[in-house]
PDB file of N, CA and C in Angstrom:
ATOM      1  N   MET A   1     -49.098 -51.506  40.204  1.00  0.00           N
ATOM      2  CA  MET A   1     -48.934 -50.043  41.031  1.00  0.00           C
ATOM      3  C   MET A   1     -47.418 -49.717  41.153  1.00  0.00           C
ATOM      4  N   ARG A   2     -47.504 -48.426  41.015  1.00  0.00           N
ATOM      5  CA  ARG A   2     -46.303 -47.436  40.675  1.00  0.00           C
ATOM      6  C   ARG A   2     -45.674 -47.639  41.996  1.00  0.00           C
ATOM      7  N   GLY A   3     -44.376 -47.939  41.961  1.00  0.00           N
ATOM      8  CA  GLY A   3     -43.324 -48.122  43.239  1.00  0.00           C
ATOM      9  C   GLY A   3     -43.632 -49.038  44.232  1.00  0.00           C
ATOM     10  N   THR A   4     -44.206 -50.108  43.571  1.00  0.00           N
ATOM     11  CA  THR A   4     -44.440 -51.238  44.650  1.00  0.00           C
ATOM     12  C   THR A   4     -43.110 -52.270  44.631  1.00  0.00           C
ATOM     13  N   LEU A   5     -42.521 -52.667  45.734  1.00  0.00           N
ATOM     14  CA  LEU A   5     -41.374 -53.395  45.723  1.00  0.00           C
ATOM     15  C   LEU A   5     -41.514 -54.647  46.413  1.00  0.00           C
ATOM     16  N   HIS A   6     -41.191 -55.766  45.831  1.00  0.00           N
ATOM     17  CA  HIS A   6     -41.469 -57.211  46.485  1.00  0.00           C
ATOM     18  C   HIS A   6     -40.024 -57.517  47.278  1.00  0.00           C
ATOM     19  N   LEU A   7     -40.536 -57.780  48.894  1.00  0.00           N
ATOM     20  CA  LEU A   7     -39.505 -57.991  49.664  1.00  0.00           C
ATOM     21  C   LEU A   7     -39.557 -59.902  49.999  1.00  0.00           C
ATOM     22  N   ARG A   8     -38.262 -60.312  49.617  1.00  0.00           N
ATOM     23  CA  ARG A   8     -38.346 -61.984  50.007  1.00  0.00           C
ATOM     24  C   ARG A   8     -37.493 -62.111  51.029  1.00  0.00           C
ATOM     25  N   TYR A   9     -37.822 -63.057  51.817  1.00  0.00           N
ATOM     26  CA  TYR A   9     -36.753 -63.386  52.751  1.00  0.00           C
ATOM     27  C   TYR A   9     -36.876 -65.137  53.295  1.00  0.00           C
ATOM     28  N   SER A  10     -36.331 -65.744  53.499  1.00  0.00           N
ATOM     29  CA  SER A  10     -36.614 -67.235  54.057  1.00  0.00           C
ATOM     30  C   SER A  10     -36.060 -67.417  55.609  1.00  0.00           C
ATOM     31  N   LEU A  11     -37.142 -68.256  56.359  1.00  0.00           N
ATOM     32  CA  LEU A  11     -36.462 -68.554  57.448  1.00  0.00           C
ATOM     33  C   LEU A  11     -36.467 -70.059  57.602  1.00  0.00           C
ATOM     34  N   ALA A  12     -35.253 -70.331  58.381  1.00  0.00           N
ATOM     35  CA  ALA A  12     -34.850 -71.727  58.419  1.00  0.00           C
ATOM     36  C   ALA A  12     -35.747 -72.489  59.704  1.00  0.00           C
ATOM     37  N   ARG A  13     -36.359 -72.022  60.296  1.00  0.00           N
ATOM     38  CA  ARG A  13     -37.381 -72.334  61.165  1.00  0.00           C
ATOM     39  C   ARG A  13     -38.551 -71.484  61.516  1.00  0.00           C
ATOM     40  N   ALA A  14     -39.735 -71.796  61.916  1.00  0.00           N
ATOM     41  CA  ALA A  14     -40.614 -71.171  62.426  1.00  0.00           C
ATOM     42  C   ALA A  14     -40.700 -70.371  63.615  1.00  0.00           C
ATOM     43  N   GLY A  15     -41.049 -69.208  63.752  1.00  0.00           N
ATOM     44  CA  GLY A  15     -40.764 -68.188  64.689  1.00  0.00           C
ATOM     45  C   GLY A  15     -41.230 -66.835  64.673  1.00  0.00           C
ATOM     46  N   ARG A  16     -41.113 -66.236  65.779  1.00  0.00           N
ATOM     47  CA  ARG A  16     -41.649 -64.782  65.781  1.00  0.00           C
ATOM     48  C   ARG A  16     -40.640 -64.056  64.737  1.00  0.00           C
ATOM     49  N   VAL A  17     -41.567 -63.120  63.824  1.00  0.00           N
ATOM     50  CA  VAL A  17     -40.741 -62.263  62.928  1.00  0.00           C
ATOM     51  C   VAL A  17     -41.082 -60.763  63.045  1.00  0.00           C
ATOM     52  N   GLN A  18     -40.541 -60.082  62.880  1.00  0.00           N
ATOM     53  CA  GLN A  18     -40.451 -58.611  62.418  1.00  0.00           C
ATOM     54  C   GLN A  18     -39.984 -57.988  61.236  1.00  0.00           C
ATOM     55  N   LEU A  19     -40.470 -57.538  60.614  1.00  0.00           N
ATOM     56  CA  LEU A  19     -40.123 -56.901  59.147  1.00  0.00           C
ATOM     57  C   LEU A  19     -40.537 -55.337  59.183  1.00  0.00           C
ATOM     58  N   ALA A  20     -39.622 -54.502  59.027  1.00  0.00           N
ATOM     59  CA  ALA A  20     -40.042 -52.999  59.334  1.00  0.00           C
ATOM     60  C   ALA A  20     -39.066 -52.161  58.452  1.00  0.00           C
ATOM     61  N   LEU A  21     -39.738 -51.143  57.989  1.00  0.00           N
ATOM     62  CA  LEU A  21     -38.731 -50.134  57.104  1.00  0.00           C
ATOM     63  C   LEU A  21     -38.278 -48.990  57.942  1.00  0.00           C
ATOM     64  N   ASN A  22     -37.126 -48.638  58.013  1.00  0.00           N
ATOM     65  CA  ASN A  22     -36.687 -47.488  58.347  1.00  0.00           C
ATOM     66  C   ASN A  22     -36.199 -46.434  57.472  1.00  0.00           C
ATOM     67  N   ASP A  23     -36.443 -45.001  57.682  1.00  0.00           N
ATOM     68  CA  ASP A  23     -35.851 -43.924  56.678  1.00  0.00           C
ATOM     69  C   ASP A  23     -34.276 -43.928  57.136  1.00  0.00           C
ATOM     70  N   ALA A  24     -33.777 -42.992  56.254  1.00  0.00           N
ATOM     71  CA  ALA A  24     -32.108 -42.886  56.445  1.00  0.00           C
ATOM     72  C   ALA A  24     -31.835 -42.476  57.378  1.00  0.00           C
ATOM     73  N   LEU A  25     -32.752 -41.684  58.663  1.00  0.00           N
ATOM     74  CA  LEU A  25     -32.181 -41.067  59.758  1.00  0.00           C
ATOM     75  C   LEU A  25     -32.526 -42.202  60.991  1.00  0.00           C
ATOM     76  N   GLY A  26     -33.013 -43.385  60.497  1.00  0.00           N
ATOM     77  CA  GLY A  26     -33.565 -44.669  61.581  1.00  0.00           C
ATOM     78  C   GLY A  26     -34.725 -44.622  61.819  1.00  0.00           C
ATOM     79  N   ARG A  27     -35.634 -43.757  61.251  1.00  0.00           N
ATOM     80  CA  ARG A  27     -36.978 -43.452  62.074  1.00  0.00           C
ATOM     81  C   ARG A  27     -37.941 -44.713  61.335  1.00  0.00           C
ATOM     82  N   ARG A  28     -38.551 -45.437  62.060  1.00  0.00           N
ATOM     83  CA  ARG A  28     -39.497 -46.233  61.923  1.00  0.00           C
ATOM     84  C   ARG A  28     -40.094 -45.601  60.915  1.00  0.00           C
ATOM     85  N   VAL A  29     -40.824 -46.165  59.654  1.00  0.00           N
ATOM     86  CA  VAL A  29     -41.846 -45.334  58.872  1.00  0.00           C
ATOM     87  C   VAL A  29     -42.937 -46.443  58.366  1.00  0.00           C
ATOM     88  N   ARG A  30     -42.727 -47.944  58.475  1.00  0.00           N
ATOM     89  CA  ARG A  30     -43.551 -48.774  58.307  1.00  0.00           C
ATOM     90  C   ARG A  30     -43.214 -50.406  58.895  1.00  0.00           C
ATOM     91  N   VAL A  31     -44.255 -50.753  59.378  1.00  0.00           N
ATOM     92  CA  VAL A  31     -44.119 -52.300  59.610  1.00  0.00           C
ATOM     93  C   VAL A  31     -44.870 -53.176  58.811  1.00  0.00           C
ATOM     94  N   LEU A  32     -44.087 -53.732  58.098  1.00  0.00           N
ATOM     95  CA  LEU A  32     -44.771 -54.785  57.280  1.00  0.00           C
ATOM     96  C   LEU A  32     -45.005 -56.410  57.561  1.00  0.00           C
ATOM     97  N   ARG A  33     -44.575 -56.716  58.741  1.00  0.00           N
ATOM     98  CA  ARG A  33     -45.026 -57.914  58.999  1.00  0.00           C
ATOM     99  C   ARG A  33     -44.612 -57.927  60.373  1.00  0.00           C
ATOM    100  N   SER A  34     -45.173 -58.596  61.483  1.00  0.00           N
ATOM    101  CA  SER A  34     -44.918 -58.517  63.001  1.00  0.00           C
ATOM    102  C   SER A  34     -45.890 -59.892  63.229  1.00  0.00           C
ATOM    103  N   GLY A  35     -45.117 -60.942  63.423  1.00  0.00           N
ATOM    104  CA  GLY A  35     -46.153 -62.329  63.959  1.00  0.00           C
ATOM    105  C   GLY A  35     -45.243 -63.284  64.007  1.00  0.00           C
ATOM    106  N   THR A  36     -45.971 -64.634  64.043  1.00  0.00           N
ATOM    107  CA  THR A  36     -45.379 -65.918  64.145  1.00  0.00           C
ATOM    108  C   THR A  36     -45.597 -66.180  62.383  1.00  0.00           C
ATOM    109  N   GLU A  37     -44.541 -67.141  62.000  1.00  0.00           N
ATOM    110  CA  GLU A  37     -44.184 -67.298  60.585  1.00  0.00           C
ATOM    111  C   GLU A  37     -43.812 -68.649  60.369  1.00  0.00           C
ATOM    112  N   GLN A  38     -43.896 -69.267  59.438  1.00  0.00           N
ATOM    113  CA  GLN A  38     -43.623 -70.973  59.511  1.00  0.00           C
ATOM    114  C   GLN A  38     -42.272 -70.735  58.802  1.00  0.00           C
ATOM    115  N   ALA A  39     -41.660 -71.991  58.807  1.00  0.00           N
ATOM    116  CA  ALA A  39     -40.399 -71.877  57.997  1.00  0.00           C
ATOM    117  C   ALA A  39     -40.441 -71.690  56.657  1.00  0.00           C
ATOM    118  N   GLY A  40     -39.183 -71.291  55.788  1.00  0.00           N
ATOM    119  CA  GLY A  40     -39.445 -71.186  54.174  1.00  0.00           C
ATOM    120  C   GLY A  40     -39.185 -69.682  53.751  1.00  0.00           C
ATOM    121  N   ALA A  41     -39.936 -70.140  52.394  1.00  0.00           N
ATOM    122  CA  ALA A  41     -39.719 -68.572  51.637  1.00  0.00           C
ATOM    123  C   ALA A  41     -40.945 -67.685  51.902  1.00  0.00           C
ATOM    124  N   HIS A  42     -40.553 -66.443  51.979  1.00  0.00           N
ATOM    125  CA  HIS A  42     -41.724 -65.569  52.088  1.00  0.00           C
ATOM    126  C   HIS A  42     -41.791 -64.173  51.100  1.00  0.00           C
ATOM    127  N   ASP A  43     -42.853 -63.683  50.887  1.00  0.00           N
ATOM    128  CA  ASP A  43     -42.857 -62.512  49.619  1.00  0.00           C
ATOM    129  C   ASP A  43     -43.703 -61.608  50.282  1.00  0.00           C
ATOM    130  N   ILE A  44     -43.297 -60.457  50.480  1.00  0.00           N
ATOM    131  CA  ILE A  44     -44.081 -59.102  51.175  1.00  0.00           C
ATOM    132  C   ILE A  44     -43.934 -58.163  50.336  1.00  0.00           C
ATOM    133  N   VAL A  45     -44.997 -57.591  49.736  1.00  0.00           N
ATOM    134  CA  VAL A  45     -45.410 -56.275  48.988  1.00  0.00           C
ATOM    135  C   VAL A  45     -45.383 -55.259  49.349  1.00  0.00           C
ATOM    136  N   TRP A  46     -44.411 -54.287  49.185  1.00  0.00           N
ATOM    137  CA  TRP A  46     -44.524 -53.089  50.062  1.00  0.00           C
ATOM    138  C   TRP A  46     -45.042 -51.874  48.717  1.00  0.00           C
ATOM    139  N   ASP A  47     -45.754 -51.136  49.433  1.00  0.00           N
ATOM    140  CA  ASP A  47     -46.666 -50.245  48.241  1.00  0.00           C
ATOM    141  C   ASP A  47     -45.960 -48.665  48.446  1.00  0.00           C
ATOM    142  N   GLY A  48     -44.716 -48.811  48.946  1.00  0.00           N
ATOM    143  CA  GLY A  48     -44.281 -47.326  48.958  1.00  0.00           C
ATOM    144  C   GLY A  48     -45.048 -46.321  49.845  1.00  0.00           C
ATOM    145  N   ARG A  49     -45.688 -46.973  50.916  1.00  0.00           N
ATOM    146  CA  ARG A  49     -46.625 -46.043  51.863  1.00  0.00           C
ATOM    147  C   ARG A  49     -45.953 -46.401  53.405  1.00  0.00           C
ATOM    148  N   ASP A  50     -46.238 -45.325  54.297  1.00  0.00           N
ATOM    149  CA  ASP A  50     -45.752 -45.528  55.657  1.00  0.00           C
ATOM    150  C   ASP A  50     -47.171 -46.116  56.291  1.00  0.00           C
ATOM    151  N   ASP A  51     -46.927 -46.096  57.632  1.00  0.00           N
ATOM    152  CA  ASP A  51     -47.940 -46.866  58.548  1.00  0.00           C
ATOM    153  C   ASP A  51     -49.198 -46.124  58.270  1.00  0.00           C
ATOM    154  N   ALA A  52     -49.504 -44.644  58.082  1.00  0.00           N
ATOM    155  CA  ALA A  52     -50.263 -43.848  57.917  1.00  0.00           C
ATOM    156  C   ALA A  52     -51.013 -43.900  56.554  1.00  0.00           C
ATOM    157  N   GLY A  53     -50.388 -44.709  55.575  1.00  0.00           N
ATOM    158  CA  GLY A  53     -50.833 -44.745  54.477  1.00  0.00           C
ATOM    159  C   GLY A  53     -50.163 -43.637  53.281  1.00  0.00           C
ATOM    160  N   ARG A  54     -49.459 -42.761  53.872  1.00  0.00           N
ATOM    161  CA  ARG A  54     -49.020 -41.858  53.076  1.00  0.00           C
ATOM    162  C   ARG A  54     -47.802 -42.081  52.200  1.00  0.00           C
ATOM    163  N   GLU A  55     -47.931 -41.795  51.055  1.00  0.00           N
ATOM    164  CA  GLU A  55     -46.552 -42.222  49.980  1.00  0.00           C
ATOM    165  C   GLU A  55     -45.532 -41.510  50.793  1.00  0.00           C
ATOM    166  N   LEU A  56     -44.371 -42.741  50.303  1.00  0.00           N
ATOM    167  CA  LEU A  56     -42.883 -41.697  50.909  1.00  0.00           C
ATOM    168  C   LEU A  56     -42.407 -41.239  49.927  1.00  0.00           C
ATOM    169  N   PRO A  57     -41.417 -40.383  50.151  1.00  0.00           N
ATOM    170  CA  PRO A  57     -40.562 -39.641  48.972  1.00  0.00           C
ATOM    171  C   PRO A  57     -39.464 -40.458  48.460  1.00  0.00           C
ATOM    172  N   ALA A  58     -38.668 -40.230  47.681  1.00  0.00           N
ATOM    173  CA  ALA A  58     -37.725 -40.578  47.064  1.00  0.00           C
ATOM    174  C   ALA A  58     -36.518 -40.917  47.803  1.00  0.00           C
ATOM    175  N   GLY A  59     -35.534 -41.802  48.080  1.00  0.00           N
ATOM    176  CA  GLY A  59     -34.664 -41.609  49.210  1.00  0.00           C
ATOM    177  C   GLY A  59     -34.217 -42.892  49.583  1.00  0.00           C
ATOM    178  N   LEU A  60     -33.557 -42.936  50.674  1.00  0.00           N
ATOM    179  CA  LEU A  60     -33.046 -44.278  51.203  1.00  0.00           C
ATOM    180  C   LEU A  60     -33.578 -44.402  52.389  1.00  0.00           C
ATOM    181  N   TYR A  61     -33.990 -46.217  52.117  1.00  0.00           N
ATOM    182  CA  TYR A  61     -34.651 -46.889  53.124  1.00  0.00           C
ATOM    183  C   TYR A  61     -33.863 -48.247  53.668  1.00  0.00           C
ATOM    184  N   PHE A  62     -34.167 -48.756  54.623  1.00  0.00           N
ATOM    185  CA  PHE A  62     -33.711 -49.795  54.928  1.00  0.00           C
ATOM    186  C   PHE A  62     -34.832 -50.860  55.796  1.00  0.00           C
ATOM    187  N   ALA A  63     -34.546 -52.125  55.019  1.00  0.00           N
ATOM    188  CA  ALA A  63     -35.903 -52.941  55.568  1.00  0.00           C
ATOM    189  C   ALA A  63     -34.832 -54.089  56.563  1.00  0.00           C
ATOM    190  N   CYS A  64     -35.423 -53.865  57.889  1.00  0.00           N
ATOM    191  CA  CYS A  64     -35.134 -54.750  58.846  1.00  0.00           C
ATOM    192  C   CYS A  64     -35.811 -55.716  59.158  1.00  0.00           C
ATOM    193  N   LEU A  65     -35.214 -57.222  59.379  1.00  0.00           N
ATOM    194  CA  LEU A  65     -35.721 -58.412  59.536  1.00  0.00           C
ATOM    195  C   LEU A  65     -34.884 -58.881  60.800  1.00  0.00           C
ATOM    196  N   ARG A  66     -35.833 -58.977  62.033  1.00  0.00           N
ATOM    197  CA  ARG A  66     -35.499 -59.601  63.053  1.00  0.00           C
ATOM    198  C   ARG A  66     -36.512 -61.019  63.064  1.00  0.00           C
ATOM    199  N   SER A  67     -35.680 -61.752  63.550  1.00  0.00           N
ATOM    200  CA  SER A  67     -36.451 -63.197  63.720  1.00  0.00           C
ATOM    201  C   SER A  67     -35.393 -64.446  64.731  1.00  0.00           C
ATOM    202  N   GLY A  68     -36.330 -64.165  65.791  1.00  0.00           N
ATOM    203  CA  GLY A  68     -35.216 -64.771  67.134  1.00  0.00           C
ATOM    204  C   GLY A  68     -34.170 -63.952  67.187  1.00  0.00           C
ATOM    205  N   ASP A  69     -32.852 -64.727  67.319  1.00  0.00           N
ATOM    206  CA  ASP A  69     -31.579 -64.002  67.613  1.00  0.00           C
ATOM    207  C   ASP A  69     -30.885 -63.578  66.142  1.00  0.00           C
ATOM    208  N   THR A  70     -31.505 -63.676  65.151  1.00  0.00           N
ATOM    209  CA  THR A  70     -31.010 -63.110  63.748  1.00  0.00           C
ATOM    210  C   THR A  70     -31.665 -61.774  63.249  1.00  0.00           C
ATOM    211  N   PHE A  71     -30.889 -60.907  62.823  1.00  0.00           N
ATOM    212  CA  PHE A  71     -31.148 -59.578  62.498  1.00  0.00           C
ATOM    213  C   PHE A  71     -30.339 -59.443  61.155  1.00  0.00           C
ATOM    214  N   SER A  72     -31.113 -58.853  60.192  1.00  0.00           N
ATOM    215  CA  SER A  72     -30.651 -58.762  58.988  1.00  0.00           C
ATOM    216  C   SER A  72     -31.166 -57.243  58.641  1.00  0.00           C
ATOM    217  N   VAL A  73     -30.268 -56.362  57.701  1.00  0.00           N
ATOM    218  CA  VAL A  73     -30.725 -54.905  57.099  1.00  0.00           C
ATOM    219  C   VAL A  73     -30.401 -55.260  55.578  1.00  0.00           C
ATOM    220  N   GLN A  74     -31.451 -54.662  54.762  1.00  0.00           N
ATOM    221  CA  GLN A  74     -30.992 -54.571  53.455  1.00  0.00           C
ATOM    222  C   GLN A  74     -31.364 -53.399  52.814  1.00  0.00           C
ATOM    223  N   ARG A  75     -30.371 -52.660  52.222  1.00  0.00           N
ATOM    224  CA  ARG A  75     -30.677 -51.104  51.709  1.00  0.00           C
ATOM    225  C   ARG A  75     -31.634 -51.265  50.666  1.00  0.00           C
ATOM    226  N   ILE A  76     -32.542 -50.059  50.561  1.00  0.00           N
ATOM    227  CA  ILE A  76     -33.545 -49.908  49.678  1.00  0.00           C
ATOM    228  C   ILE A  76     -33.525 -48.644  49.341  1.00  0.00           C
ATOM    229  N   VAL A  77     -33.329 -48.354  47.780  1.00  0.00           N
ATOM    230  CA  VAL A  77     -33.076 -46.737  47.319  1.00  0.00           C
ATOM    231  C   VAL A  77     -34.740 -46.879  46.323  1.00  0.00           C
ATOM    232  N   ARG A  78     -35.551 -45.636  46.969  1.00  0.00           N
ATOM    233  CA  ARG A  78     -36.864 -45.604  46.240  1.00  0.00           C
ATOM    234  C   ARG A  78     -36.369 -44.294  45.439  1.00  0.00           C
ATOM    235  N   VAL A  79     -36.535 -44.672  43.986  1.00  0.00           N
ATOM    236  CA  VAL A  79     -36.143 -43.682  43.124  1.00  0.00           C
ATOM    237  C   VAL A  79     -37.134 -42.862  42.828  1.00  0.00           C
ATOM    238  N   PHE A  80     -38.500 -42.709  42.958  1.00  0.00           N
ATOM    239  CA  PHE A  80     -39.525 -41.799  42.638  1.00  0.00           C
ATOM    240  C   PHE A  80     -40.776 -41.965  44.060  1.00  0.00           C
ATOM    241  N   GLY A  81     -41.257 -40.704  44.126  1.00  0.00           N
ATOM    242  CA  GLY A  81     -42.296 -40.951  45.112  1.00  0.00           C
ATOM    243  C   GLY A  81     -42.877 -39.356  44.946  1.00  0.00           C
ATOM    244  N   VAL A  82     -43.327 -38.778  46.106  1.00  0.00           N
ATOM    245  CA  VAL A  82     -43.935 -37.587  45.808  1.00  0.00           C
ATOM    246  C   VAL A  82     -43.131 -36.251  46.035  1.00  0.00           C
TER     247      VAL A  82
END
């Protein structure tokens, strides 16, 4: 599928996880994962759409992963879109 992206992360221990995407203005556009996960490697595919199913335009996005007391952010540049 055009514009898909694999997001990979690893957890040291099982616990509650939230993986969300924010736009460049900090607005949440998609929650990709929210719930409890096992320790180990995880892979999620983002189809370039927001929570309402609309394809997002090209631009800067941030993947925000929260697990327990750990929070990490990865910058994503979407090169094409609507």
